[in-house]
Amino acid sequence: MSAQDFTAAETRAVYRAIHERRDMRHFAGGAVAPDVLRRLLDAAHHAPSVGFMQPWRFIRIRDAALRQRLHATVEQERVLTARALGEREDEFMRLKVEGLLDAAELIAVTLADAREPHVFGRRTLPQMDLASAACAIQNLWLAARAEGLGMGWVSLFDPVTVAALLGLPAGAEPIALLCLGPVHDFYDEPMLQRDRWARRAPLASMVFDDRWGAPSTLFD
């Protein structure tokens, strides 16, 4: 075993964080210690990024009035989303979809401005800046779970409105409002599955061999 290998216990811990991570909407108030928050953001900053462009920027929302305005923006989009769902409107409105006012920390994640010069890996797939930032969010999410903290990714908002509230420069784009903090407990299963909104699809239905739709021999 080399010094770079994980022990069996370390390997199990990684998989545990992956499988027990939840998109949390219920928070217990409290606080996140500054050293813990720095560790979480450092984990996010160590995410992979296409062409090492590091497109993520994090804005910690500390002003209570700004948090209230962001919450109002999310609530407005929640209502519009419900209407767009048609026959599932009432069902959607019964779901708790965010914890902006309850979480200890609220962090906005944005894509940086001036991303156009980064063409390495993006010439034909420009959306890889978003994919890279999503990796940073996932890193933060897994680290938060390992620290015993809950996190929820809120994307129900008008990006133009949020960009204005956050004072973003031209070209920068908000992609997430992250609710972060202590929780009373973690959901035993994804909340939307628990509330029968959707279910996790079988892995075998999403893995193909050689071409789309060809069942993989992994599951024979």
C-alpha atoms as a PDB file:
ATOM      1  CA  MET A   1       0.000   0.000   0.000  1.00  0.00           C
ATOM      2  CA  SER A   2       1.479   3.344  -1.055  1.00  0.00           C
ATOM      3  CA  ALA A   3       1.193   6.613   0.837  1.00  0.00           C
ATOM      4  CA  GLN A   4      -1.258   7.788  -1.836  1.00  0.00           C
ATOM      5  CA  ASP A   5      -3.686   4.913  -1.256  1.00  0.00           C
ATOM      6  CA  PHE A   6      -6.799   5.369   0.844  1.00  0.00           C
ATOM      7  CA  THR A   7      -7.332   3.029   3.767  1.00  0.00           C
ATOM      8  CA  ALA A   8     -10.461   0.888   3.694  1.00  0.00           C
ATOM      9  CA  ALA A   9     -12.029   3.162   6.327  1.00  0.00           C
ATOM     10  CA  GLU A  10     -11.222   6.277   4.312  1.00  0.00           C
ATOM     11  CA  THR A  11     -12.712   4.738   1.196  1.00  0.00           C
ATOM     12  CA  ARG A  12     -15.908   3.843   3.053  1.00  0.00           C
ATOM     13  CA  ALA A  13     -16.127   7.411   4.369  1.00  0.00           C
ATOM     14  CA  VAL A  14     -15.985   8.831   0.838  1.00  0.00           C
ATOM     15  CA  TYR A  15     -18.789   6.567  -0.341  1.00  0.00           C
ATOM     16  CA  ARG A  16     -20.790   7.286   2.807  1.00  0.00           C
ATOM     17  CA  ALA A  17     -20.631  11.036   2.155  1.00  0.00           C
ATOM     18  CA  ILE A  18     -21.759  10.479  -1.438  1.00  0.00           C
ATOM     19  CA  HIS A  19     -24.702   8.260  -0.520  1.00  0.00           C
ATOM     20  CA  GLU A  20     -25.831  10.237   2.540  1.00  0.00           C
ATOM     21  CA  ARG A  21     -25.571  13.697   0.965  1.00  0.00           C
ATOM     22  CA  ARG A  22     -29.012  15.269   0.762  1.00  0.00           C
ATOM     23  CA  ASP A  23     -30.491  18.408  -0.764  1.00  0.00           C
ATOM     24  CA  MET A  24     -31.628  19.867   2.563  1.00  0.00           C
ATOM     25  CA  ARG A  25     -34.534  22.271   2.957  1.00  0.00           C
ATOM     26  CA  HIS A  26     -35.015  22.107   6.741  1.00  0.00           C
ATOM     27  CA  PHE A  27     -32.394  23.834   8.897  1.00  0.00           C
ATOM     28  CA  ALA A  28     -31.878  24.283  12.617  1.00  0.00           C
ATOM     29  CA  GLY A  29     -30.499  27.831  12.639  1.00  0.00           C
ATOM     30  CA  GLY A  30     -27.261  28.029  14.599  1.00  0.00           C
ATOM     31  CA  ALA A  31     -23.963  28.983  13.011  1.00  0.00           C
ATOM     32  CA  VAL A  32     -21.085  27.616  10.947  1.00  0.00           C
ATOM     33  CA  ALA A  33     -17.707  28.234  12.549  1.00  0.00           C
ATOM     34  CA  PRO A  34     -15.425  30.385  10.351  1.00  0.00           C
ATOM     35  CA  ASP A  35     -12.709  27.720  10.196  1.00  0.00           C
ATOM     36  CA  VAL A  36     -15.261  25.144   9.047  1.00  0.00           C
ATOM     37  CA  LEU A  37     -16.646  27.498   6.416  1.00  0.00           C
ATOM     38  CA  ARG A  38     -13.131  28.163   5.140  1.00  0.00           C
ATOM     39  CA  ARG A  39     -12.538  24.392   4.877  1.00  0.00           C
ATOM     40  CA  LEU A  40     -15.754  23.933   2.925  1.00  0.00           C
ATOM     41  CA  LEU A  41     -14.935  26.734   0.497  1.00  0.00           C
ATOM     42  CA  ASP A  42     -11.414  25.378   0.119  1.00  0.00           C
ATOM     43  CA  ALA A  43     -12.911  21.998  -0.788  1.00  0.00           C
ATOM     44  CA  ALA A  44     -15.050  23.727  -3.405  1.00  0.00           C
ATOM     45  CA  HIS A  45     -12.029  25.587  -4.747  1.00  0.00           C
ATOM     46  CA  HIS A  46     -10.183  22.288  -5.222  1.00  0.00           C
ATOM     47  CA  ALA A  47     -12.785  21.025  -7.694  1.00  0.00           C
ATOM     48  CA  PRO A  48     -11.686  20.106 -11.213  1.00  0.00           C
ATOM     49  CA  SER A  49     -12.318  22.692 -13.909  1.00  0.00           C
ATOM     50  CA  VAL A  50     -12.034  22.491 -17.671  1.00  0.00           C
ATOM     51  CA  GLY A  51      -8.806  24.149 -18.785  1.00  0.00           C
ATOM     52  CA  PHE A  52      -8.191  24.957 -15.109  1.00  0.00           C
ATOM     53  CA  MET A  53     -10.339  28.042 -15.649  1.00  0.00           C
ATOM     54  CA  GLN A  54     -11.792  28.032 -12.097  1.00  0.00           C
ATOM     55  CA  PRO A  55     -14.991  29.864 -13.104  1.00  0.00           C
ATOM     56  CA  TRP A  56     -16.604  29.805  -9.646  1.00  0.00           C
ATOM     57  CA  ARG A  57     -17.078  32.840  -7.424  1.00  0.00           C
ATOM     58  CA  PHE A  58     -18.694  32.714  -3.980  1.00  0.00           C
ATOM     59  CA  ILE A  59     -20.630  35.546  -2.344  1.00  0.00           C
ATOM     60  CA  ARG A  60     -21.427  35.082   1.338  1.00  0.00           C
ATOM     61  CA  ILE A  61     -24.748  36.787   2.099  1.00  0.00           C
ATOM     62  CA  ARG A  62     -24.372  38.463   5.491  1.00  0.00           C
ATOM     63  CA  ASP A  63     -26.880  41.310   5.178  1.00  0.00           C
ATOM     64  CA  ALA A  64     -30.297  40.284   6.554  1.00  0.00           C
ATOM     65  CA  ALA A  65     -32.195  42.635   4.257  1.00  0.00           C
ATOM     66  CA  LEU A  66     -30.415  41.215   1.203  1.00  0.00           C
ATOM     67  CA  ARG A  67     -31.283  37.703   2.326  1.00  0.00           C
ATOM     68  CA  GLN A  68     -34.926  38.743   2.578  1.00  0.00           C
ATOM     69  CA  ARG A  69     -34.848  40.205  -0.933  1.00  0.00           C
ATOM     70  CA  LEU A  70     -33.303  37.030  -2.313  1.00  0.00           C
ATOM     71  CA  HIS A  71     -35.959  34.994  -0.529  1.00  0.00           C
ATOM     72  CA  ALA A  72     -38.691  37.132  -2.103  1.00  0.00           C
ATOM     73  CA  THR A  73     -37.159  36.525  -5.537  1.00  0.00           C
ATOM     74  CA  VAL A  74     -37.126  32.779  -4.945  1.00  0.00           C
ATOM     75  CA  GLU A  75     -40.729  32.829  -3.703  1.00  0.00           C
ATOM     76  CA  GLN A  76     -41.836  34.681  -6.821  1.00  0.00           C
ATOM     77  CA  GLU A  77     -40.202  32.070  -9.048  1.00  0.00           C
ATOM     78  CA  ARG A  78     -41.674  29.260  -6.933  1.00  0.00           C
ATOM     79  CA  VAL A  79     -45.171  30.520  -7.746  1.00  0.00           C
ATOM     80  CA  LEU A  80     -44.365  30.898 -11.457  1.00  0.00           C
ATOM     81  CA  THR A  81     -42.839  27.411 -11.557  1.00  0.00           C
ATOM     82  CA  ALA A  82     -45.936  25.979  -9.909  1.00  0.00           C
ATOM     83  CA  ARG A  83     -48.155  27.556 -12.551  1.00  0.00           C
ATOM     84  CA  ALA A  84     -45.936  26.171 -15.308  1.00  0.00           C
ATOM     85  CA  LEU A  85     -46.384  22.657 -13.908  1.00  0.00           C
ATOM     86  CA  GLY A  86     -50.091  22.648 -14.729  1.00  0.00           C
ATOM     87  CA  GLU A  87     -51.865  19.758 -13.032  1.00  0.00           C
ATOM     88  CA  ARG A  88     -49.040  19.342 -10.500  1.00  0.00           C
ATOM     89  CA  GLU A  89     -49.256  22.993  -9.350  1.00  0.00           C
ATOM     90  CA  ASP A  90     -50.929  22.305  -6.004  1.00  0.00           C
ATOM     91  CA  GLU A  91     -48.666  19.341  -5.317  1.00  0.00           C
ATOM     92  CA  PHE A  92     -45.595  21.473  -6.002  1.00  0.00           C
ATOM     93  CA  MET A  93     -46.792  24.312  -3.758  1.00  0.00           C
ATOM     94  CA  ARG A  94     -46.991  21.879  -0.846  1.00  0.00           C
ATOM     95  CA  LEU A  95     -43.289  21.045  -1.198  1.00  0.00           C
ATOM     96  CA  LYS A  96     -40.696  22.877   0.845  1.00  0.00           C
ATOM     97  CA  VAL A  97     -38.173  23.917  -1.767  1.00  0.00           C
ATOM     98  CA  GLU A  98     -35.713  26.138   0.118  1.00  0.00           C
ATOM     99  CA  GLY A  99     -34.382  27.194   3.509  1.00  0.00           C
ATOM    100  CA  LEU A 100     -33.042  30.674   2.760  1.00  0.00           C
ATOM    101  CA  LEU A 101     -34.337  32.253   5.953  1.00  0.00           C
ATOM    102  CA  ASP A 102     -33.511  29.340   8.246  1.00  0.00           C
ATOM    103  CA  ALA A 103     -30.008  28.279   7.240  1.00  0.00           C
ATOM    104  CA  ALA A 104     -27.016  29.531   9.186  1.00  0.00           C
ATOM    105  CA  GLU A 105     -25.250  30.602   5.995  1.00  0.00           C
ATOM    106  CA  LEU A 106     -26.419  31.634   2.554  1.00  0.00           C
ATOM    107  CA  ILE A 107     -23.827  31.549  -0.222  1.00  0.00           C
ATOM    108  CA  ALA A 108     -24.432  32.646  -3.795  1.00  0.00           C
ATOM    109  CA  VAL A 109     -22.371  30.851  -6.430  1.00  0.00           C
ATOM    110  CA  THR A 110     -21.769  32.661  -9.679  1.00  0.00           C
ATOM    111  CA  LEU A 111     -19.850  32.129 -12.869  1.00  0.00           C
ATOM    112  CA  ALA A 112     -17.091  34.702 -13.246  1.00  0.00           C
ATOM    113  CA  ASP A 113     -17.116  37.434 -15.831  1.00  0.00           C
ATOM    114  CA  ALA A 114     -14.626  37.496 -18.731  1.00  0.00           C
ATOM    115  CA  ARG A 115     -14.845  33.737 -19.339  1.00  0.00           C
ATOM    116  CA  GLU A 116     -14.648  34.082 -23.132  1.00  0.00           C
ATOM    117  CA  PRO A 117     -10.821  33.795 -23.366  1.00  0.00           C
ATOM    118  CA  HIS A 118     -10.985  30.323 -21.812  1.00  0.00           C
ATOM    119  CA  VAL A 119     -11.354  28.154 -24.900  1.00  0.00           C
ATOM    120  CA  PHE A 120      -9.335  25.138 -23.710  1.00  0.00           C
ATOM    121  CA  GLY A 121     -11.993  22.408 -23.549  1.00  0.00           C
ATOM    122  CA  ARG A 122     -14.759  24.903 -24.327  1.00  0.00           C
ATOM    123  CA  ARG A 123     -14.395  25.676 -28.022  1.00  0.00           C
ATOM    124  CA  THR A 124     -17.205  23.283 -28.939  1.00  0.00           C
ATOM    125  CA  LEU A 125     -18.682  22.881 -25.433  1.00  0.00           C
ATOM    126  CA  PRO A 126     -18.841  26.381 -23.915  1.00  0.00           C
ATOM    127  CA  GLN A 127     -21.146  25.147 -21.163  1.00  0.00           C
ATOM    128  CA  MET A 128     -18.202  23.418 -19.490  1.00  0.00           C
ATOM    129  CA  ASP A 129     -17.761  26.518 -17.327  1.00  0.00           C
ATOM    130  CA  LEU A 130     -21.107  25.672 -15.725  1.00  0.00           C
ATOM    131  CA  ALA A 131     -20.120  22.002 -15.434  1.00  0.00           C
ATOM    132  CA  SER A 132     -16.906  23.022 -13.674  1.00  0.00           C
ATOM    133  CA  ALA A 133     -18.748  25.250 -11.196  1.00  0.00           C
ATOM    134  CA  ALA A 134     -21.176  22.411 -10.507  1.00  0.00           C
ATOM    135  CA  CYS A 135     -18.194  20.244  -9.539  1.00  0.00           C
ATOM    136  CA  ALA A 136     -17.189  22.923  -7.016  1.00  0.00           C
ATOM    137  CA  ILE A 137     -20.694  22.907  -5.549  1.00  0.00           C
ATOM    138  CA  GLN A 138     -20.639  19.115  -5.265  1.00  0.00           C
ATOM    139  CA  ASN A 139     -17.274  19.251  -3.477  1.00  0.00           C
ATOM    140  CA  LEU A 140     -18.701  21.738  -0.992  1.00  0.00           C
ATOM    141  CA  TRP A 141     -21.800  19.576  -0.549  1.00  0.00           C
ATOM    142  CA  LEU A 142     -19.850  16.417   0.233  1.00  0.00           C
ATOM    143  CA  ALA A 143     -17.501  18.249   2.587  1.00  0.00           C
ATOM    144  CA  ALA A 144     -20.496  19.772   4.379  1.00  0.00           C
ATOM    145  CA  ARG A 145     -22.013  16.318   4.879  1.00  0.00           C
ATOM    146  CA  ALA A 146     -18.715  15.038   6.262  1.00  0.00           C
ATOM    147  CA  GLU A 147     -18.718  18.011   8.676  1.00  0.00           C
ATOM    148  CA  GLY A 148     -22.258  17.146   9.782  1.00  0.00           C
ATOM    149  CA  LEU A 149     -23.798  20.174   8.077  1.00  0.00           C
ATOM    150  CA  GLY A 150     -26.737  20.257   5.706  1.00  0.00           C
ATOM    151  CA  MET A 151     -26.756  22.038   2.362  1.00  0.00           C
ATOM    152  CA  GLY A 152     -29.457  22.813  -0.164  1.00  0.00           C
ATOM    153  CA  TRP A 153     -28.992  24.075  -3.726  1.00  0.00           C
ATOM    154  CA  VAL A 154     -31.683  26.612  -4.668  1.00  0.00           C
ATOM    155  CA  SER A 155     -32.029  27.442  -8.358  1.00  0.00           C
ATOM    156  CA  LEU A 156     -35.558  28.863  -8.331  1.00  0.00           C
ATOM    157  CA  PHE A 157     -34.769  32.468  -9.180  1.00  0.00           C
ATOM    158  CA  ASP A 158     -34.599  34.921 -12.034  1.00  0.00           C
ATOM    159  CA  PRO A 159     -30.858  35.249 -12.778  1.00  0.00           C
ATOM    160  CA  VAL A 160     -31.144  38.856 -13.993  1.00  0.00           C
ATOM    161  CA  THR A 161     -32.805  39.924 -10.743  1.00  0.00           C
ATOM    162  CA  VAL A 162     -30.291  38.054  -8.583  1.00  0.00           C
ATOM    163  CA  ALA A 163     -27.361  39.419 -10.593  1.00  0.00           C
ATOM    164  CA  ALA A 164     -28.620  42.945  -9.908  1.00  0.00           C
ATOM    165  CA  LEU A 165     -29.118  42.263  -6.196  1.00  0.00           C
ATOM    166  CA  LEU A 166     -25.569  40.931  -5.927  1.00  0.00           C
ATOM    167  CA  GLY A 167     -23.985  43.666  -8.022  1.00  0.00           C
ATOM    168  CA  LEU A 168     -22.488  41.250 -10.533  1.00  0.00           C
ATOM    169  CA  PRO A 169     -20.372  42.654 -13.361  1.00  0.00           C
ATOM    170  CA  ALA A 170     -21.461  42.188 -16.959  1.00  0.00           C
ATOM    171  CA  GLY A 171     -20.894  38.599 -18.067  1.00  0.00           C
ATOM    172  CA  ALA A 172     -21.045  37.076 -14.587  1.00  0.00           C
ATOM    173  CA  GLU A 173     -24.020  34.780 -13.924  1.00  0.00           C
ATOM    174  CA  PRO A 174     -25.606  33.482 -10.704  1.00  0.00           C
ATOM    175  CA  ILE A 175     -26.180  29.720 -10.772  1.00  0.00           C
ATOM    176  CA  ALA A 176     -26.974  28.774  -7.167  1.00  0.00           C
ATOM    177  CA  LEU A 177     -28.077  29.996  -3.780  1.00  0.00           C
ATOM    178  CA  LEU A 178     -26.637  27.544  -1.279  1.00  0.00           C
ATOM    179  CA  CYS A 179     -28.367  27.176   2.085  1.00  0.00           C
ATOM    180  CA  LEU A 180     -25.827  25.811   4.570  1.00  0.00           C
ATOM    181  CA  GLY A 181     -25.877  25.012   8.258  1.00  0.00           C
ATOM    182  CA  PRO A 182     -26.828  22.698  11.094  1.00  0.00           C
ATOM    183  CA  VAL A 183     -29.880  20.488  10.630  1.00  0.00           C
ATOM    184  CA  HIS A 184     -31.926  18.509  13.123  1.00  0.00           C
ATOM    185  CA  ASP A 185     -31.346  15.369  11.060  1.00  0.00           C
ATOM    186  CA  PHE A 186     -30.626  14.297   7.501  1.00  0.00           C
ATOM    187  CA  TYR A 187     -33.377  12.818   5.336  1.00  0.00           C
ATOM    188  CA  ASP A 188     -33.216   9.028   5.084  1.00  0.00           C
ATOM    189  CA  GLU A 189     -33.792   9.394   1.344  1.00  0.00           C
ATOM    190  CA  PRO A 190     -33.992  12.335  -1.065  1.00  0.00           C
ATOM    191  CA  MET A 191     -36.847  14.587   0.038  1.00  0.00           C
ATOM    192  CA  LEU A 192     -38.493  14.638  -3.384  1.00  0.00           C
ATOM    193  CA  GLN A 193     -38.461  10.849  -3.365  1.00  0.00           C
ATOM    194  CA  ARG A 194     -39.787  10.724   0.197  1.00  0.00           C
ATOM    195  CA  ASP A 195     -42.588  13.103  -0.798  1.00  0.00           C
ATOM    196  CA  ARG A 196     -43.310  11.020  -3.915  1.00  0.00           C
ATOM    197  CA  TRP A 197     -42.467  13.769  -6.383  1.00  0.00           C
ATOM    198  CA  ALA A 198     -39.991  11.545  -8.244  1.00  0.00           C
ATOM    199  CA  ARG A 199     -37.878   8.443  -7.723  1.00  0.00           C
ATOM    200  CA  ARG A 200     -34.251   7.626  -8.450  1.00  0.00           C
ATOM    201  CA  ALA A 201     -34.073   5.764 -11.773  1.00  0.00           C
ATOM    202  CA  PRO A 202     -32.362   2.368 -11.860  1.00  0.00           C
ATOM    203  CA  LEU A 203     -28.684   2.737 -12.738  1.00  0.00           C
ATOM    204  CA  ALA A 204     -28.944   0.010 -15.382  1.00  0.00           C
ATOM    205  CA  SER A 205     -31.417   2.168 -17.337  1.00  0.00           C
ATOM    206  CA  MET A 206     -28.784   4.892 -17.707  1.00  0.00           C
ATOM    207  CA  VAL A 207     -25.655   2.930 -18.641  1.00  0.00           C
ATOM    208  CA  PHE A 208     -25.141   1.759 -22.240  1.00  0.00           C
ATOM    209  CA  ASP A 209     -22.419  -0.090 -24.098  1.00  0.00           C
ATOM    210  CA  ASP A 210     -21.024   1.428 -27.309  1.00  0.00           C
ATOM    211  CA  ARG A 211     -24.204   3.216 -28.427  1.00  0.00           C
ATOM    212  CA  TRP A 212     -27.317   4.833 -27.049  1.00  0.00           C
ATOM    213  CA  GLY A 213     -29.875   2.348 -25.815  1.00  0.00           C
ATOM    214  CA  ALA A 214     -27.635  -0.738 -25.936  1.00  0.00           C
ATOM    215  CA  PRO A 215     -27.906  -2.366 -22.485  1.00  0.00           C
ATOM    216  CA  SER A 216     -24.613  -2.602 -20.670  1.00  0.00           C
ATOM    217  CA  THR A 217     -23.169  -5.995 -19.833  1.00  0.00           C
ATOM    218  CA  LEU A 218     -22.224  -4.563 -16.422  1.00  0.00           C
ATOM    219  CA  PHE A 219     -25.689  -5.484 -15.225  1.00  0.00           C
ATOM    220  CA  ASP A 220     -26.001  -8.980 -16.707  1.00  0.00           C
END
